[in-house]
Amino acid sequence: QVLLAESGGGLVQAGSSLRLVCAASRFLFERYNMAWFRQAPGKEREFVAAIKWNSDSTDYIDSVKARFTISRDNTKNTVFLEMNSLKPEDTAVYYCAAAVGLPALKRDISSYAYWGQGTQVIVSS
C-alpha cells in the first residue's frame, strides 16, 4: 500500500510560522501530484494547495496564496507546506494526499486516492 505520514504541526500564536512535512513510502513518488487539505472542527475537509509531480505548477486557495508555499523533494519522497503569518482561522487538522495519472492539478477530494493520518495545527489569537 501507499503510505503517507504528516508531521510538523503544533500550537502557535497568530503571526507565527510552521513547516509541515509529508513523507511517502512504498510507491513511485515522482509519478504523483501531491496536495494538502485541512479540516477544521465541525467543517468539511477543504483543499489548501497542490503541486505537480515535477514541481512545474502549483495551486492554492485564495486565503493562503500569499502566506503558504507548497514544495517537494522527489529525491527524498517528501512534500512540504510552509505556512507563514498564521491566523486563528488556519486552525485545523492538515492532511497530505496523493493522486496518480492526472494531467492537471485537482482540488476535489475524490481525485486523491491516498491520504495520511493528519497533523494538528492550532493557532491562538
N, C-alpha and C. Protein backbone atom coordinates (compact mmCIF):
# COMPACT_ATOMS: atom_id res chain seq x y z
N GLN A 1 0.82 -1.18 0.00
CA GLN A 1 0.00 0.00 0.00
C GLN A 1 0.87 1.25 0.00
N VAL A 2 0.25 2.38 -0.39
CA VAL A 2 0.91 3.67 -0.34
C VAL A 2 0.77 4.22 1.07
N LEU A 3 1.89 4.68 1.62
CA LEU A 3 1.90 5.22 2.97
C LEU A 3 2.33 6.68 2.95
N LEU A 4 1.53 7.53 3.61
CA LEU A 4 1.84 8.94 3.76
C LEU A 4 1.80 9.28 5.24
N ALA A 5 2.77 10.06 5.71
CA ALA A 5 2.83 10.43 7.11
C ALA A 5 3.17 11.90 7.25
N GLU A 6 2.26 12.65 7.88
CA GLU A 6 2.46 14.08 8.10
C GLU A 6 3.12 14.33 9.46
N SER A 7 3.85 15.44 9.53
CA SER A 7 4.42 15.88 10.79
C SER A 7 4.64 17.39 10.72
N GLY A 8 4.96 18.00 11.85
CA GLY A 8 5.29 19.41 11.88
C GLY A 8 4.22 20.32 12.45
N GLY A 9 3.06 19.78 12.78
CA GLY A 9 2.01 20.59 13.37
C GLY A 9 2.34 20.98 14.80
N GLY A 10 1.50 21.85 15.36
CA GLY A 10 1.72 22.28 16.72
C GLY A 10 0.81 23.42 17.10
N LEU A 11 1.05 23.96 18.28
CA LEU A 11 0.30 25.09 18.81
C LEU A 11 1.18 26.34 18.73
N VAL A 12 0.70 27.35 18.01
CA VAL A 12 1.46 28.58 17.82
C VAL A 12 0.55 29.79 17.96
N GLN A 13 1.16 30.94 18.14
CA GLN A 13 0.42 32.19 18.19
C GLN A 13 0.20 32.76 16.80
N ALA A 14 -0.84 33.55 16.65
CA ALA A 14 -1.10 34.20 15.38
C ALA A 14 0.12 34.99 14.94
N GLY A 15 0.41 34.92 13.65
CA GLY A 15 1.57 35.58 13.09
C GLY A 15 2.81 34.71 13.01
N SER A 16 2.77 33.55 13.64
CA SER A 16 3.90 32.62 13.63
C SER A 16 3.93 31.79 12.35
N SER A 17 4.96 30.96 12.23
CA SER A 17 5.14 30.09 11.08
C SER A 17 5.29 28.64 11.49
N LEU A 18 4.88 27.75 10.60
CA LEU A 18 5.09 26.32 10.75
C LEU A 18 5.44 25.73 9.40
N ARG A 19 6.19 24.64 9.42
CA ARG A 19 6.50 23.90 8.22
C ARG A 19 6.02 22.47 8.38
N LEU A 20 5.03 22.10 7.60
CA LEU A 20 4.52 20.74 7.62
C LEU A 20 5.30 19.87 6.64
N VAL A 21 5.46 18.61 7.00
CA VAL A 21 6.20 17.66 6.19
C VAL A 21 5.35 16.42 5.96
N CYS A 22 5.35 15.93 4.74
CA CYS A 22 4.67 14.68 4.40
C CYS A 22 5.69 13.75 3.78
N ALA A 23 5.93 12.62 4.43
CA ALA A 23 6.87 11.62 3.94
C ALA A 23 6.10 10.46 3.33
N ALA A 24 6.50 10.06 2.12
CA ALA A 24 5.82 8.99 1.40
C ALA A 24 6.72 7.77 1.27
N SER A 25 6.10 6.61 1.24
CA SER A 25 6.84 5.37 1.07
C SER A 25 6.01 4.36 0.30
N ARG A 26 6.68 3.37 -0.26
CA ARG A 26 6.06 2.23 -0.93
C ARG A 26 5.33 2.57 -2.22
N PHE A 27 5.69 3.66 -2.87
CA PHE A 27 5.18 3.94 -4.20
C PHE A 27 6.16 4.86 -4.93
N LEU A 28 5.93 5.00 -6.24
CA LEU A 28 6.79 5.83 -7.07
C LEU A 28 6.35 7.28 -6.91
N PHE A 29 6.92 7.95 -5.96
CA PHE A 29 6.51 9.30 -5.57
C PHE A 29 6.51 10.27 -6.74
N GLU A 30 7.49 10.16 -7.63
CA GLU A 30 7.63 11.10 -8.73
C GLU A 30 6.50 11.03 -9.75
N ARG A 31 5.65 10.01 -9.69
CA ARG A 31 4.52 9.88 -10.61
C ARG A 31 3.24 10.52 -10.07
N TYR A 32 3.27 11.05 -8.87
CA TYR A 32 2.07 11.54 -8.21
C TYR A 32 2.06 13.05 -8.06
N ASN A 33 0.92 13.66 -8.39
CA ASN A 33 0.65 15.02 -7.93
C ASN A 33 0.31 14.93 -6.44
N MET A 34 0.75 15.92 -5.68
CA MET A 34 0.53 15.91 -4.24
C MET A 34 -0.25 17.14 -3.81
N ALA A 35 -0.97 17.02 -2.71
CA ALA A 35 -1.78 18.12 -2.23
C ALA A 35 -1.85 18.12 -0.71
N TRP A 36 -2.22 19.27 -0.17
CA TRP A 36 -2.55 19.42 1.23
C TRP A 36 -4.01 19.84 1.35
N PHE A 37 -4.72 19.19 2.26
CA PHE A 37 -6.08 19.54 2.63
C PHE A 37 -6.11 19.83 4.12
N ARG A 38 -7.18 20.45 4.57
CA ARG A 38 -7.34 20.68 6.00
C ARG A 38 -8.80 20.56 6.39
N GLN A 39 -9.02 20.22 7.65
CA GLN A 39 -10.37 20.08 8.17
C GLN A 39 -10.45 20.69 9.56
N ALA A 40 -11.23 21.75 9.68
CA ALA A 40 -11.46 22.41 10.95
C ALA A 40 -12.61 21.72 11.67
N PRO A 41 -12.68 21.85 12.99
CA PRO A 41 -13.76 21.22 13.75
C PRO A 41 -15.14 21.63 13.24
N GLY A 42 -15.98 20.64 12.97
CA GLY A 42 -17.34 20.90 12.53
C GLY A 42 -17.48 21.32 11.08
N LYS A 43 -16.39 21.31 10.31
CA LYS A 43 -16.44 21.74 8.92
C LYS A 43 -15.98 20.63 7.98
N GLU A 44 -16.29 20.81 6.71
CA GLU A 44 -15.87 19.86 5.69
C GLU A 44 -14.38 19.99 5.40
N ARG A 45 -13.80 18.90 4.96
CA ARG A 45 -12.41 18.94 4.54
C ARG A 45 -12.28 19.80 3.29
N GLU A 46 -11.29 20.69 3.27
CA GLU A 46 -11.13 21.60 2.16
C GLU A 46 -9.73 21.54 1.57
N PHE A 47 -9.65 21.78 0.29
CA PHE A 47 -8.38 21.86 -0.41
C PHE A 47 -7.59 23.08 0.04
N VAL A 48 -6.27 22.93 0.14
CA VAL A 48 -5.41 24.04 0.51
C VAL A 48 -4.41 24.37 -0.60
N ALA A 49 -3.64 23.36 -1.02
CA ALA A 49 -2.60 23.59 -2.01
C ALA A 49 -2.24 22.28 -2.70
N ALA A 50 -1.74 22.37 -3.92
CA ALA A 50 -1.30 21.19 -4.66
C ALA A 50 -0.05 21.52 -5.47
N ILE A 51 0.70 20.47 -5.81
CA ILE A 51 1.91 20.63 -6.60
C ILE A 51 2.02 19.48 -7.58
N LYS A 52 2.40 19.80 -8.81
CA LYS A 52 2.55 18.80 -9.84
C LYS A 52 3.74 17.89 -9.55
N TRP A 53 3.73 16.72 -10.16
CA TRP A 53 4.75 15.72 -9.90
C TRP A 53 6.17 16.24 -10.11
N ASN A 54 6.33 17.13 -11.08
CA ASN A 54 7.66 17.66 -11.40
C ASN A 54 7.87 19.09 -10.89
N SER A 55 6.97 19.58 -10.06
CA SER A 55 7.01 20.92 -9.47
C SER A 55 6.84 22.04 -10.48
N ASP A 56 6.38 21.74 -11.69
CA ASP A 56 6.22 22.76 -12.73
C ASP A 56 5.04 23.69 -12.47
N SER A 57 4.09 23.27 -11.65
CA SER A 57 2.95 24.13 -11.35
C SER A 57 2.45 23.87 -9.93
N THR A 58 1.82 24.89 -9.37
CA THR A 58 1.21 24.79 -8.05
C THR A 58 -0.17 25.44 -8.08
N ASP A 59 -0.96 25.16 -7.06
CA ASP A 59 -2.30 25.70 -6.95
C ASP A 59 -2.60 25.96 -5.48
N TYR A 60 -3.22 27.11 -5.18
CA TYR A 60 -3.54 27.48 -3.82
C TYR A 60 -4.93 28.09 -3.77
N ILE A 61 -5.63 27.88 -2.66
CA ILE A 61 -6.84 28.64 -2.45
C ILE A 61 -6.46 30.07 -2.10
N ASP A 62 -7.37 31.01 -2.39
CA ASP A 62 -7.05 32.42 -2.25
C ASP A 62 -6.64 32.82 -0.83
N SER A 63 -7.23 32.21 0.17
CA SER A 63 -6.98 32.61 1.54
C SER A 63 -5.56 32.30 2.03
N VAL A 64 -4.84 31.43 1.33
CA VAL A 64 -3.49 31.07 1.76
C VAL A 64 -2.42 31.42 0.73
N LYS A 65 -2.81 31.87 -0.44
CA LYS A 65 -1.87 32.03 -1.55
C LYS A 65 -0.69 32.95 -1.22
N ALA A 66 -0.93 34.00 -0.48
CA ALA A 66 0.12 34.95 -0.14
C ALA A 66 0.94 34.54 1.08
N ARG A 67 0.53 33.45 1.74
CA ARG A 67 1.15 33.10 3.01
C ARG A 67 1.77 31.70 3.03
N PHE A 68 1.24 30.78 2.23
CA PHE A 68 1.70 29.38 2.24
C PHE A 68 2.49 29.06 0.98
N THR A 69 3.43 28.13 1.10
CA THR A 69 4.19 27.66 -0.04
C THR A 69 4.28 26.14 0.00
N ILE A 70 3.85 25.49 -1.08
CA ILE A 70 3.99 24.04 -1.20
C ILE A 70 5.22 23.74 -2.05
N SER A 71 5.97 22.72 -1.65
CA SER A 71 7.15 22.32 -2.40
C SER A 71 7.37 20.82 -2.20
N ARG A 72 8.29 20.25 -2.98
CA ARG A 72 8.55 18.82 -2.84
C ARG A 72 9.99 18.52 -3.20
N ASP A 73 10.47 17.41 -2.69
CA ASP A 73 11.80 16.90 -2.99
C ASP A 73 11.63 15.45 -3.41
N ASN A 74 11.65 15.19 -4.70
CA ASN A 74 11.40 13.85 -5.20
C ASN A 74 12.53 12.87 -4.90
N THR A 75 13.71 13.39 -4.61
CA THR A 75 14.81 12.50 -4.24
C THR A 75 14.64 11.95 -2.84
N LYS A 76 13.79 12.59 -2.04
CA LYS A 76 13.56 12.17 -0.67
C LYS A 76 12.12 11.76 -0.41
N ASN A 77 11.30 11.70 -1.46
CA ASN A 77 9.89 11.31 -1.33
C ASN A 77 9.16 12.15 -0.28
N THR A 78 9.32 13.46 -0.38
CA THR A 78 8.80 14.35 0.64
C THR A 78 8.12 15.57 0.03
N VAL A 79 7.01 15.99 0.62
CA VAL A 79 6.34 17.22 0.23
C VAL A 79 6.20 18.10 1.46
N PHE A 80 6.29 19.42 1.27
CA PHE A 80 6.29 20.37 2.37
C PHE A 80 5.17 21.39 2.20
N LEU A 81 4.74 21.95 3.31
CA LEU A 81 3.86 23.10 3.29
C LEU A 81 4.41 24.11 4.30
N GLU A 82 5.01 25.17 3.79
CA GLU A 82 5.49 26.24 4.65
C GLU A 82 4.37 27.24 4.86
N MET A 83 4.01 27.47 6.11
CA MET A 83 2.90 28.33 6.45
C MET A 83 3.42 29.52 7.24
N ASN A 84 3.22 30.71 6.71
CA ASN A 84 3.65 31.94 7.35
C ASN A 84 2.45 32.80 7.72
N SER A 85 2.66 33.72 8.65
CA SER A 85 1.61 34.65 9.08
C SER A 85 0.32 33.91 9.42
N LEU A 86 0.44 32.90 10.23
CA LEU A 86 -0.71 32.06 10.55
C LEU A 86 -1.79 32.83 11.28
N LYS A 87 -3.03 32.48 10.98
CA LYS A 87 -4.20 33.11 11.55
C LYS A 87 -5.02 32.07 12.32
N PRO A 88 -5.82 32.49 13.29
CA PRO A 88 -6.67 31.53 14.00
C PRO A 88 -7.55 30.69 13.08
N GLU A 89 -7.98 31.25 11.97
CA GLU A 89 -8.81 30.51 11.04
C GLU A 89 -8.06 29.42 10.27
N ASP A 90 -6.74 29.37 10.42
CA ASP A 90 -5.95 28.28 9.85
C ASP A 90 -5.97 27.04 10.74
N THR A 91 -6.52 27.14 11.92
CA THR A 91 -6.60 26.01 12.84
C THR A 91 -7.37 24.86 12.21
N ALA A 92 -6.73 23.69 12.13
CA ALA A 92 -7.34 22.52 11.51
C ALA A 92 -6.38 21.35 11.61
N VAL A 93 -6.87 20.18 11.27
CA VAL A 93 -6.01 19.03 11.02
C VAL A 93 -5.62 19.08 9.55
N TYR A 94 -4.34 19.02 9.28
CA TYR A 94 -3.83 19.11 7.91
C TYR A 94 -3.44 17.73 7.41
N TYR A 95 -3.89 17.39 6.20
CA TYR A 95 -3.66 16.10 5.59
C TYR A 95 -2.91 16.26 4.27
N CYS A 96 -1.97 15.37 4.00
CA CYS A 96 -1.41 15.30 2.67
C CYS A 96 -2.09 14.18 1.90
N ALA A 97 -2.11 14.33 0.58
CA ALA A 97 -2.81 13.38 -0.28
C ALA A 97 -2.06 13.23 -1.60
N ALA A 98 -2.24 12.08 -2.24
CA ALA A 98 -1.55 11.77 -3.49
C ALA A 98 -2.54 11.35 -4.57
N ALA A 99 -2.30 11.84 -5.80
CA ALA A 99 -3.12 11.49 -6.95
C ALA A 99 -2.21 11.08 -8.10
N VAL A 100 -2.52 9.98 -8.75
CA VAL A 100 -1.72 9.48 -9.85
C VAL A 100 -2.52 9.54 -11.15
N GLY A 101 -1.80 9.75 -12.26
CA GLY A 101 -2.43 9.70 -13.56
C GLY A 101 -3.26 10.89 -13.96
N LEU A 102 -3.03 12.05 -13.35
CA LEU A 102 -3.78 13.26 -13.65
C LEU A 102 -2.92 14.24 -14.44
N PRO A 103 -3.43 14.73 -15.58
CA PRO A 103 -2.65 15.68 -16.38
C PRO A 103 -2.64 17.08 -15.80
N ALA A 104 -3.58 17.38 -14.91
CA ALA A 104 -3.68 18.70 -14.31
C ALA A 104 -3.94 18.57 -12.82
N LEU A 105 -3.63 19.62 -12.08
CA LEU A 105 -3.89 19.63 -10.65
C LEU A 105 -5.38 19.72 -10.38
N LYS A 106 -5.82 19.03 -9.34
CA LYS A 106 -7.23 18.97 -8.98
C LYS A 106 -7.43 19.44 -7.55
N ARG A 107 -8.64 19.95 -7.28
CA ARG A 107 -8.99 20.43 -5.95
C ARG A 107 -10.00 19.53 -5.24
N ASP A 108 -10.59 18.60 -5.94
CA ASP A 108 -11.63 17.77 -5.35
C ASP A 108 -11.03 16.58 -4.61
N ILE A 109 -11.66 16.24 -3.51
CA ILE A 109 -11.19 15.14 -2.66
C ILE A 109 -11.15 13.82 -3.41
N SER A 110 -12.13 13.58 -4.28
CA SER A 110 -12.24 12.31 -4.97
C SER A 110 -11.08 12.03 -5.93
N SER A 111 -10.32 13.05 -6.28
CA SER A 111 -9.18 12.86 -7.18
C SER A 111 -7.98 12.26 -6.48
N TYR A 112 -8.00 12.22 -5.16
CA TYR A 112 -6.86 11.77 -4.38
C TYR A 112 -7.13 10.41 -3.75
N ALA A 113 -6.31 9.46 -4.11
CA ALA A 113 -6.53 8.08 -3.70
C ALA A 113 -5.88 7.73 -2.37
N TYR A 114 -4.84 8.46 -1.99
CA TYR A 114 -4.08 8.11 -0.80
C TYR A 114 -3.97 9.30 0.13
N TRP A 115 -4.13 9.02 1.42
CA TRP A 115 -4.17 10.07 2.45
C TRP A 115 -3.34 9.69 3.66
N GLY A 116 -2.75 10.70 4.28
CA GLY A 116 -2.08 10.50 5.55
C GLY A 116 -3.05 10.59 6.71
N GLN A 117 -2.53 10.43 7.92
CA GLN A 117 -3.36 10.46 9.12
C GLN A 117 -3.66 11.87 9.61
N GLY A 118 -2.90 12.84 9.18
CA GLY A 118 -3.12 14.22 9.55
C GLY A 118 -2.20 14.70 10.67
N THR A 119 -1.97 16.00 10.71
CA THR A 119 -1.22 16.63 11.79
C THR A 119 -1.97 17.88 12.23
N GLN A 120 -2.08 18.07 13.52
CA GLN A 120 -2.89 19.15 14.09
C GLN A 120 -2.14 20.47 14.09
N VAL A 121 -2.82 21.52 13.64
CA VAL A 121 -2.31 22.88 13.70
C VAL A 121 -3.32 23.72 14.47
N ILE A 122 -2.86 24.35 15.54
CA ILE A 122 -3.71 25.23 16.34
C ILE A 122 -3.05 26.59 16.42
N VAL A 123 -3.77 27.62 16.02
CA VAL A 123 -3.26 28.98 16.03
C VAL A 123 -4.09 29.80 17.00
N SER A 124 -3.46 30.29 18.04
CA SER A 124 -4.16 31.08 19.05
C SER A 124 -4.06 32.56 18.72
N SER A 125 -5.06 33.32 19.14
CA SER A 125 -5.08 34.75 18.90
C SER A 125 -4.32 35.51 19.96
